Amino acid sequence: MENIDFFLTGISVILAAFLLAVGIRAYRKSGMRMFLFILLVFLVILLDGVILIISGFGVFTLPISNTAVLMISDVIILLLFYYGVVRGS
């Protein structure tokens, strides 16, 4: 990974972790199911960034390309949004 890729992925991980923490607090306060779907999206983004950073440092290699990881996480996020819309709040 390039330096700018690490930087942007790091910002994404930090922002996703922050929004996950804020979302957990909001869910506990309101109890709305809608927040669960949003929390899952932030969790997927966080895990995606962590996987990309760790694989970029060479700790382990992914059996698929980084682009495939991003596409898989996009599909998961879209499915979560779809399920949230279909199920409603």
PDB file of N, CA and C in Angstrom:
ATOM      1  N   MET A   1       0.840  -1.184   0.000  1.00  0.00           N
ATOM      2  CA  MET A   1       0.000   0.000   0.000  1.00  0.00           C
ATOM      3  C   MET A   1       0.881   1.241   0.000  1.00  0.00           C
ATOM      4  N   GLU A   2       0.383   2.248  -0.620  1.00  0.00           N
ATOM      5  CA  GLU A   2       1.086   3.520  -0.644  1.00  0.00           C
ATOM      6  C   GLU A   2       0.874   4.251   0.684  1.00  0.00           C
ATOM      7  N   ASN A   3       1.707   5.257   0.922  1.00  0.00           N
ATOM      8  CA  ASN A   3       1.586   6.023   2.162  1.00  0.00           C
ATOM      9  C   ASN A   3       0.236   6.703   2.283  1.00  0.00           C
ATOM     10  N   ILE A   4      -0.267   7.267   1.183  1.00  0.00           N
ATOM     11  CA  ILE A   4      -1.571   7.931   1.237  1.00  0.00           C
ATOM     12  C   ILE A   4      -2.679   6.918   1.514  1.00  0.00           C
ATOM     13  N   ASP A   5      -2.512   5.688   1.025  1.00  0.00           N
ATOM     14  CA  ASP A   5      -3.502   4.648   1.308  1.00  0.00           C
ATOM     15  C   ASP A   5      -3.549   4.326   2.797  1.00  0.00           C
ATOM     16  N   PHE A   6      -2.377   4.204   3.418  1.00  0.00           N
ATOM     17  CA  PHE A   6      -2.336   3.966   4.866  1.00  0.00           C
ATOM     18  C   PHE A   6      -2.979   5.112   5.624  1.00  0.00           C
ATOM     19  N   PHE A   7      -2.676   6.322   5.201  1.00  0.00           N
ATOM     20  CA  PHE A   7      -3.211   7.506   5.866  1.00  0.00           C
ATOM     21  C   PHE A   7      -4.739   7.531   5.774  1.00  0.00           C
ATOM     22  N   LEU A   8      -5.274   7.347   4.579  1.00  0.00           N
ATOM     23  CA  LEU A   8      -6.728   7.387   4.393  1.00  0.00           C
ATOM     24  C   LEU A   8      -7.423   6.219   5.087  1.00  0.00           C
ATOM     25  N   THR A   9      -6.806   5.053   5.049  1.00  0.00           N
ATOM     26  CA  THR A   9      -7.387   3.910   5.740  1.00  0.00           C
ATOM     27  C   THR A   9      -7.351   4.115   7.253  1.00  0.00           C
ATOM     28  N   GLY A  10      -6.264   4.714   7.744  1.00  0.00           N
ATOM     29  CA  GLY A  10      -6.180   5.026   9.169  1.00  0.00           C
ATOM     30  C   GLY A  10      -7.244   6.015   9.606  1.00  0.00           C
ATOM     31  N   ILE A  11      -7.475   7.037   8.794  1.00  0.00           N
ATOM     32  CA  ILE A  11      -8.536   7.999   9.107  1.00  0.00           C
ATOM     33  C   ILE A  11      -9.894   7.302   9.106  1.00  0.00           C
ATOM     34  N   SER A  12     -10.107   6.420   8.139  1.00  0.00           N
ATOM     35  CA  SER A  12     -11.360   5.670   8.066  1.00  0.00           C
ATOM     36  C   SER A  12     -11.565   4.804   9.300  1.00  0.00           C
ATOM     37  N   VAL A  13     -10.496   4.148   9.759  1.00  0.00           N
ATOM     38  CA  VAL A  13     -10.594   3.295  10.950  1.00  0.00           C
ATOM     39  C   VAL A  13     -10.902   4.134  12.188  1.00  0.00           C
ATOM     40  N   ILE A  14     -10.212   5.243  12.340  1.00  0.00           N
ATOM     41  CA  ILE A  14     -10.436   6.117  13.502  1.00  0.00           C
ATOM     42  C   ILE A  14     -11.849   6.674  13.487  1.00  0.00           C
ATOM     43  N   LEU A  15     -12.301   7.144  12.332  1.00  0.00           N
ATOM     44  CA  LEU A  15     -13.645   7.707  12.218  1.00  0.00           C
ATOM     45  C   LEU A  15     -14.708   6.636  12.446  1.00  0.00           C
ATOM     46  N   ALA A  16     -14.504   5.443  11.892  1.00  0.00           N
ATOM     47  CA  ALA A  16     -15.469   4.359  12.094  1.00  0.00           C
ATOM     48  C   ALA A  16     -15.529   3.947  13.566  1.00  0.00           C
ATOM     49  N   ALA A  17     -14.380   3.894  14.237  1.00  0.00           N
ATOM     50  CA  ALA A  17     -14.366   3.539  15.666  1.00  0.00           C
ATOM     51  C   ALA A  17     -15.090   4.600  16.488  1.00  0.00           C
ATOM     52  N   PHE A  18     -14.854   5.878  16.157  1.00  0.00           N
ATOM     53  CA  PHE A  18     -15.524   6.964  16.870  1.00  0.00           C
ATOM     54  C   PHE A  18     -17.036   6.901  16.647  1.00  0.00           C
ATOM     55  N   LEU A  19     -17.457   6.734  15.396  1.00  0.00           N
ATOM     56  CA  LEU A  19     -18.884   6.679  15.099  1.00  0.00           C
ATOM     57  C   LEU A  19     -19.528   5.424  15.688  1.00  0.00           C
ATOM     58  N   LEU A  20     -18.782   4.343  15.768  1.00  0.00           N
ATOM     59  CA  LEU A  20     -19.294   3.140  16.414  1.00  0.00           C
ATOM     60  C   LEU A  20     -19.543   3.392  17.898  1.00  0.00           C
ATOM     61  N   ALA A  21     -18.606   4.064  18.545  1.00  0.00           N
ATOM     62  CA  ALA A  21     -18.780   4.388  19.970  1.00  0.00           C
ATOM     63  C   ALA A  21     -19.963   5.330  20.185  1.00  0.00           C
ATOM     64  N   VAL A  22     -20.087   6.335  19.337  1.00  0.00           N
ATOM     65  CA  VAL A  22     -21.220   7.273  19.441  1.00  0.00           C
ATOM     66  C   VAL A  22     -22.529   6.542  19.167  1.00  0.00           C
ATOM     67  N   GLY A  23     -22.522   5.645  18.182  1.00  0.00           N
ATOM     68  CA  GLY A  23     -23.725   4.888  17.860  1.00  0.00           C
ATOM     69  C   GLY A  23     -24.154   3.956  18.980  1.00  0.00           C
ATOM     70  N   ILE A  24     -23.180   3.339  19.641  1.00  0.00           N
ATOM     71  CA  ILE A  24     -23.507   2.468  20.778  1.00  0.00           C
ATOM     72  C   ILE A  24     -24.159   3.283  21.891  1.00  0.00           C
ATOM     73  N   ARG A  25     -23.604   4.443  22.131  1.00  0.00           N
ATOM     74  CA  ARG A  25     -24.181   5.319  23.169  1.00  0.00           C
ATOM     75  C   ARG A  25     -25.596   5.757  22.787  1.00  0.00           C
ATOM     76  N   ALA A  26     -25.798   6.102  21.515  1.00  0.00           N
ATOM     77  CA  ALA A  26     -27.128   6.523  21.059  1.00  0.00           C
ATOM     78  C   ALA A  26     -28.120   5.366  21.136  1.00  0.00           C
ATOM     79  N   TYR A  27     -27.658   4.155  20.790  1.00  0.00           N
ATOM     80  CA  TYR A  27     -28.555   3.001  20.869  1.00  0.00           C
ATOM     81  C   TYR A  27     -28.963   2.715  22.309  1.00  0.00           C
ATOM     82  N   ARG A  28     -28.009   2.788  23.207  1.00  0.00           N
ATOM     83  CA  ARG A  28     -28.330   2.540  24.621  1.00  0.00           C
ATOM     84  C   ARG A  28     -29.298   3.587  25.159  1.00  0.00           C
ATOM     85  N   LYS A  29     -29.165   4.803  24.684  1.00  0.00           N
ATOM     86  CA  LYS A  29     -30.021   5.886  25.165  1.00  0.00           C
ATOM     87  C   LYS A  29     -31.427   5.781  24.597  1.00  0.00           C
ATOM     88  N   SER A  30     -31.548   5.451  23.296  1.00  0.00           N
ATOM     89  CA  SER A  30     -32.860   5.470  22.652  1.00  0.00           C
ATOM     90  C   SER A  30     -33.486   4.083  22.521  1.00  0.00           C
ATOM     91  N   GLY A  31     -32.657   3.045  22.324  1.00  0.00           N
ATOM     92  CA  GLY A  31     -33.172   1.696  22.146  1.00  0.00           C
ATOM     93  C   GLY A  31     -33.777   1.435  20.774  1.00  0.00           C
ATOM     94  N   MET A  32     -33.569   2.337  19.828  1.00  0.00           N
ATOM     95  CA  MET A  32     -34.128   2.178  18.480  1.00  0.00           C
ATOM     96  C   MET A  32     -33.338   1.128  17.701  1.00  0.00           C
ATOM     97  N   ARG A  33     -34.073   0.229  17.019  1.00  0.00           N
ATOM     98  CA  ARG A  33     -33.426  -0.827  16.233  1.00  0.00           C
ATOM     99  C   ARG A  33     -32.652  -0.269  15.046  1.00  0.00           C
ATOM    100  N   MET A  34     -33.053   0.900  14.581  1.00  0.00           N
ATOM    101  CA  MET A  34     -32.378   1.518  13.441  1.00  0.00           C
ATOM    102  C   MET A  34     -30.892   1.707  13.735  1.00  0.00           C
ATOM    103  N   PHE A  35     -30.569   2.020  14.970  1.00  0.00           N
ATOM    104  CA  PHE A  35     -29.172   2.223  15.334  1.00  0.00           C
ATOM    105  C   PHE A  35     -28.354   0.940  15.236  1.00  0.00           C
ATOM    106  N   LEU A  36     -28.998  -0.213  15.393  1.00  0.00           N
ATOM    107  CA  LEU A  36     -28.266  -1.476  15.266  1.00  0.00           C
ATOM    108  C   LEU A  36     -27.723  -1.663  13.855  1.00  0.00           C
ATOM    109  N   PHE A  37     -28.516  -1.316  12.858  1.00  0.00           N
ATOM    110  CA  PHE A  37     -28.049  -1.438  11.478  1.00  0.00           C
ATOM    111  C   PHE A  37     -26.914  -0.465  11.200  1.00  0.00           C
ATOM    112  N   ILE A  38     -27.037   0.733  11.725  1.00  0.00           N
ATOM    113  CA  ILE A  38     -25.970   1.723  11.553  1.00  0.00           C
ATOM    114  C   ILE A  38     -24.704   1.256  12.267  1.00  0.00           C
ATOM    115  N   LEU A  39     -24.852   0.676  13.444  1.00  0.00           N
ATOM    116  CA  LEU A  39     -23.699   0.148  14.178  1.00  0.00           C
ATOM    117  C   LEU A  39     -23.016  -0.966  13.397  1.00  0.00           C
ATOM    118  N   LEU A  40     -23.801  -1.833  12.784  1.00  0.00           N
ATOM    119  CA  LEU A  40     -23.218  -2.914  11.988  1.00  0.00           C
ATOM    120  C   LEU A  40     -22.457  -2.377  10.780  1.00  0.00           C
ATOM    121  N   VAL A  41     -22.969  -1.319  10.163  1.00  0.00           N
ATOM    122  CA  VAL A  41     -22.266  -0.706   9.037  1.00  0.00           C
ATOM    123  C   VAL A  41     -20.932  -0.135   9.497  1.00  0.00           C
ATOM    124  N   PHE A  42     -20.933   0.584  10.611  1.00  0.00           N
ATOM    125  CA  PHE A  42     -19.675   1.135  11.125  1.00  0.00           C
ATOM    126  C   PHE A  42     -18.706   0.028  11.503  1.00  0.00           C
ATOM    127  N   LEU A  43     -19.228  -1.071  12.022  1.00  0.00           N
ATOM    128  CA  LEU A  43     -18.378  -2.209  12.376  1.00  0.00           C
ATOM    129  C   LEU A  43     -17.748  -2.837  11.134  1.00  0.00           C
ATOM    130  N   VAL A  44     -18.521  -2.963  10.065  1.00  0.00           N
ATOM    131  CA  VAL A  44     -17.976  -3.517   8.817  1.00  0.00           C
ATOM    132  C   VAL A  44     -16.885  -2.608   8.264  1.00  0.00           C
ATOM    133  N   ILE A  45     -17.119  -1.302   8.286  1.00  0.00           N
ATOM    134  CA  ILE A  45     -16.117  -0.348   7.807  1.00  0.00           C
ATOM    135  C   ILE A  45     -14.864  -0.421   8.667  1.00  0.00           C
ATOM    136  N   LEU A  46     -15.036  -0.537   9.972  1.00  0.00           N
ATOM    137  CA  LEU A  46     -13.900  -0.641  10.882  1.00  0.00           C
ATOM    138  C   LEU A  46     -13.098  -1.914  10.614  1.00  0.00           C
ATOM    139  N   LEU A  47     -13.773  -3.043  10.502  1.00  0.00           N
ATOM    140  CA  LEU A  47     -13.079  -4.309  10.236  1.00  0.00           C
ATOM    141  C   LEU A  47     -12.391  -4.293   8.880  1.00  0.00           C
ATOM    142  N   ASP A  48     -13.042  -3.692   7.897  1.00  0.00           N
ATOM    143  CA  ASP A  48     -12.456  -3.581   6.565  1.00  0.00           C
ATOM    144  C   ASP A  48     -11.150  -2.792   6.620  1.00  0.00           C
ATOM    145  N   GLY A  49     -11.161  -1.671   7.312  1.00  0.00           N
ATOM    146  CA  GLY A  49      -9.955  -0.856   7.427  1.00  0.00           C
ATOM    147  C   GLY A  49      -8.845  -1.560   8.186  1.00  0.00           C
ATOM    148  N   VAL A  50      -9.204  -2.232   9.264  1.00  0.00           N
ATOM    149  CA  VAL A  50      -8.198  -2.952  10.053  1.00  0.00           C
ATOM    150  C   VAL A  50      -7.570  -4.068   9.224  1.00  0.00           C
ATOM    151  N   ILE A  51      -8.386  -4.795   8.487  1.00  0.00           N
ATOM    152  CA  ILE A  51      -7.855  -5.870   7.639  1.00  0.00           C
ATOM    153  C   ILE A  51      -6.912  -5.301   6.590  1.00  0.00           C
ATOM    154  N   LEU A  52      -7.286  -4.192   5.961  1.00  0.00           N
ATOM    155  CA  LEU A  52      -6.434  -3.591   4.936  1.00  0.00           C
ATOM    156  C   LEU A  52      -5.122  -3.070   5.521  1.00  0.00           C
ATOM    157  N   ILE A  53      -5.175  -2.479   6.702  1.00  0.00           N
ATOM    158  CA  ILE A  53      -3.949  -1.958   7.324  1.00  0.00           C
ATOM    159  C   ILE A  53      -3.020  -3.106   7.720  1.00  0.00           C
ATOM    160  N   ILE A  54      -3.574  -4.125   8.352  1.00  0.00           N
ATOM    161  CA  ILE A  54      -2.743  -5.249   8.788  1.00  0.00           C
ATOM    162  C   ILE A  54      -2.125  -5.965   7.589  1.00  0.00           C
ATOM    163  N   SER A  55      -2.915  -6.161   6.541  1.00  0.00           N
ATOM    164  CA  SER A  55      -2.361  -6.824   5.358  1.00  0.00           C
ATOM    165  C   SER A  55      -1.353  -5.926   4.648  1.00  0.00           C
ATOM    166  N   GLY A  56      -1.529  -4.620   4.739  1.00  0.00           N
ATOM    167  CA  GLY A  56      -0.585  -3.691   4.132  1.00  0.00           C
ATOM    168  C   GLY A  56       0.766  -3.692   4.814  1.00  0.00           C
ATOM    169  N   PHE A  57       0.770  -3.925   6.128  1.00  0.00           N
ATOM    170  CA  PHE A  57       2.031  -4.011   6.865  1.00  0.00           C
ATOM    171  C   PHE A  57       2.718  -5.355   6.663  1.00  0.00           C
ATOM    172  N   GLY A  58       2.043  -6.277   6.029  1.00  0.00           N
ATOM    173  CA  GLY A  58       2.655  -7.566   5.727  1.00  0.00           C
ATOM    174  C   GLY A  58       2.558  -8.572   6.850  1.00  0.00           C
ATOM    175  N   VAL A  59       1.707  -8.327   7.833  1.00  0.00           N
ATOM    176  CA  VAL A  59       1.535  -9.283   8.926  1.00  0.00           C
ATOM    177  C   VAL A  59       0.942 -10.585   8.380  1.00  0.00           C
ATOM    178  N   PHE A  60       0.005 -10.470   7.474  1.00  0.00           N
ATOM    179  CA  PHE A  60      -0.521 -11.614   6.756  1.00  0.00           C
ATOM    180  C   PHE A  60      -0.930 -11.150   5.369  1.00  0.00           C
ATOM    181  N   THR A  61      -1.044 -12.077   4.469  1.00  0.00           N
ATOM    182  CA  THR A  61      -1.472 -11.736   3.121  1.00  0.00           C
ATOM    183  C   THR A  61      -2.877 -12.267   2.903  1.00  0.00           C
ATOM    184  N   LEU A  62      -3.647 -11.482   2.206  1.00  0.00           N
ATOM    185  CA  LEU A  62      -5.010 -11.876   1.901  1.00  0.00           C
ATOM    186  C   LEU A  62      -5.012 -12.807   0.690  1.00  0.00           C
ATOM    187  N   PRO A  63      -5.867 -13.829   0.726  1.00  0.00           N
ATOM    188  CA  PRO A  63      -5.944 -14.709  -0.446  1.00  0.00           C
ATOM    189  C   PRO A  63      -6.646 -14.040  -1.633  1.00  0.00           C
ATOM    190  N   ILE A  64      -7.248 -12.870  -1.384  1.00  0.00           N
ATOM    191  CA  ILE A  64      -7.897 -12.109  -2.450  1.00  0.00           C
ATOM    192  C   ILE A  64      -7.312 -10.711  -2.465  1.00  0.00           C
ATOM    193  N   SER A  65      -7.592  -9.963  -3.503  1.00  0.00           N
ATOM    194  CA  SER A  65      -7.022  -8.620  -3.622  1.00  0.00           C
ATOM    195  C   SER A  65      -7.716  -7.646  -2.674  1.00  0.00           C
ATOM    196  N   ASN A  66      -7.057  -6.521  -2.430  1.00  0.00           N
ATOM    197  CA  ASN A  66      -7.639  -5.484  -1.578  1.00  0.00           C
ATOM    198  C   ASN A  66      -8.928  -4.940  -2.179  1.00  0.00           C
ATOM    199  N   THR A  67      -8.991  -4.879  -3.495  1.00  0.00           N
ATOM    200  CA  THR A  67     -10.205  -4.407  -4.151  1.00  0.00           C
ATOM    201  C   THR A  67     -11.367  -5.347  -3.873  1.00  0.00           C
ATOM    202  N   ALA A  68     -11.105  -6.645  -3.866  1.00  0.00           N
ATOM    203  CA  ALA A  68     -12.157  -7.612  -3.569  1.00  0.00           C
ATOM    204  C   ALA A  68     -12.652  -7.453  -2.136  1.00  0.00           C
ATOM    205  N   VAL A  69     -11.757  -7.166  -1.201  1.00  0.00           N
ATOM    206  CA  VAL A  69     -12.157  -6.931   0.190  1.00  0.00           C
ATOM    207  C   VAL A  69     -13.088  -5.731   0.268  1.00  0.00           C
ATOM    208  N   LEU A  70     -12.736  -4.666  -0.442  1.00  0.00           N
ATOM    209  CA  LEU A  70     -13.582  -3.475  -0.448  1.00  0.00           C
ATOM    210  C   LEU A  70     -14.940  -3.756  -1.077  1.00  0.00           C
ATOM    211  N   MET A  71     -14.960  -4.526  -2.141  1.00  0.00           N
ATOM    212  CA  MET A  71     -16.226  -4.849  -2.799  1.00  0.00           C
ATOM    213  C   MET A  71     -17.099  -5.733  -1.918  1.00  0.00           C
ATOM    214  N   ILE A  72     -16.483  -6.682  -1.225  1.00  0.00           N
ATOM    215  CA  ILE A  72     -17.242  -7.544  -0.308  1.00  0.00           C
ATOM    216  C   ILE A  72     -17.845  -6.715   0.814  1.00  0.00           C
ATOM    217  N   SER A  73     -17.076  -5.790   1.379  1.00  0.00           N
ATOM    218  CA  SER A  73     -17.608  -4.950   2.446  1.00  0.00           C
ATOM    219  C   SER A  73     -18.703  -4.030   1.919  1.00  0.00           C
ATOM    220  N   ASP A  74     -18.581  -3.559   0.682  1.00  0.00           N
ATOM    221  CA  ASP A  74     -19.650  -2.745   0.095  1.00  0.00           C
ATOM    222  C   ASP A  74     -20.943  -3.537  -0.046  1.00  0.00           C
ATOM    223  N   VAL A  75     -20.827  -4.782  -0.479  1.00  0.00           N
ATOM    224  CA  VAL A  75     -22.011  -5.632  -0.617  1.00  0.00           C
ATOM    225  C   VAL A  75     -22.654  -5.868   0.747  1.00  0.00           C
ATOM    226  N   ILE A  76     -21.849  -6.133   1.760  1.00  0.00           N
ATOM    227  CA  ILE A  76     -22.385  -6.339   3.111  1.00  0.00           C
ATOM    228  C   ILE A  76     -23.099  -5.087   3.602  1.00  0.00           C
ATOM    229  N   ILE A  77     -22.501  -3.930   3.379  1.00  0.00           N
ATOM    230  CA  ILE A  77     -23.118  -2.671   3.808  1.00  0.00           C
ATOM    231  C   ILE A  77     -24.436  -2.446   3.072  1.00  0.00           C
ATOM    232  N   LEU A  78     -24.452  -2.668   1.776  1.00  0.00           N
ATOM    233  CA  LEU A  78     -25.690  -2.491   1.018  1.00  0.00           C
ATOM    234  C   LEU A  78     -26.777  -3.460   1.480  1.00  0.00           C
ATOM    235  N   LEU A  79     -26.388  -4.705   1.782  1.00  0.00           N
ATOM    236  CA  LEU A  79     -27.367  -5.670   2.291  1.00  0.00           C
ATOM    237  C   LEU A  79     -27.907  -5.250   3.659  1.00  0.00           C
ATOM    238  N   LEU A  80     -27.049  -4.693   4.502  1.00  0.00           N
ATOM    239  CA  LEU A  80     -27.519  -4.200   5.801  1.00  0.00           C
ATOM    240  C   LEU A  80     -28.497  -3.048   5.628  1.00  0.00           C
ATOM    241  N   PHE A  81     -28.188  -2.132   4.725  1.00  0.00           N
ATOM    242  CA  PHE A  81     -29.107  -1.024   4.467  1.00  0.00           C
ATOM    243  C   PHE A  81     -30.433  -1.533   3.888  1.00  0.00           C
ATOM    244  N   TYR A  82     -30.353  -2.489   2.964  1.00  0.00           N
ATOM    245  CA  TYR A  82     -31.565  -3.062   2.388  1.00  0.00           C
ATOM    246  C   TYR A  82     -32.414  -3.722   3.478  1.00  0.00           C
ATOM    247  N   TYR A  83     -31.777  -4.537   4.305  1.00  0.00           N
ATOM    248  CA  TYR A  83     -32.507  -5.218   5.367  1.00  0.00           C
ATOM    249  C   TYR A  83     -33.122  -4.196   6.332  1.00  0.00           C
ATOM    250  N   GLY A  84     -32.391  -3.131   6.634  1.00  0.00           N
ATOM    251  CA  GLY A  84     -32.928  -2.097   7.513  1.00  0.00           C
ATOM    252  C   GLY A  84     -34.118  -1.374   6.908  1.00  0.00           C
ATOM    253  N   VAL A  85     -34.079  -1.138   5.609  1.00  0.00           N
ATOM    254  CA  VAL A  85     -35.190  -0.457   4.944  1.00  0.00           C
ATOM    255  C   VAL A  85     -36.412  -1.377   4.853  1.00  0.00           C
ATOM    256  N   VAL A  86     -36.172  -2.641   4.502  1.00  0.00           N
ATOM    257  CA  VAL A  86     -37.286  -3.575   4.350  1.00  0.00           C
ATOM    258  C   VAL A  86     -37.949  -3.858   5.697  1.00  0.00           C
ATOM    259  N   ARG A  87     -37.128  -4.053   6.715  1.00  0.00           N
ATOM    260  CA  ARG A  87     -37.652  -4.357   8.047  1.00  0.00           C
ATOM    261  C   ARG A  87     -38.245  -3.125   8.724  1.00  0.00           C
ATOM    262  N   GLY A  88     -37.741  -1.949   8.357  1.00  0.00           N
ATOM    263  CA  GLY A  88     -38.227  -0.719   8.975  1.00  0.00           C
ATOM    264  C   GLY A  88     -37.617  -0.519  10.344  1.00  0.00           C
ATOM    265  N   SER A  89     -38.002   0.523  10.976  1.00  0.00           N
ATOM    266  CA  SER A  89     -37.469   0.804  12.324  1.00  0.00           C
ATOM    267  C   SER A  89     -38.433   0.222  13.308  1.00  0.00           C
TER     268      SER A  89
END
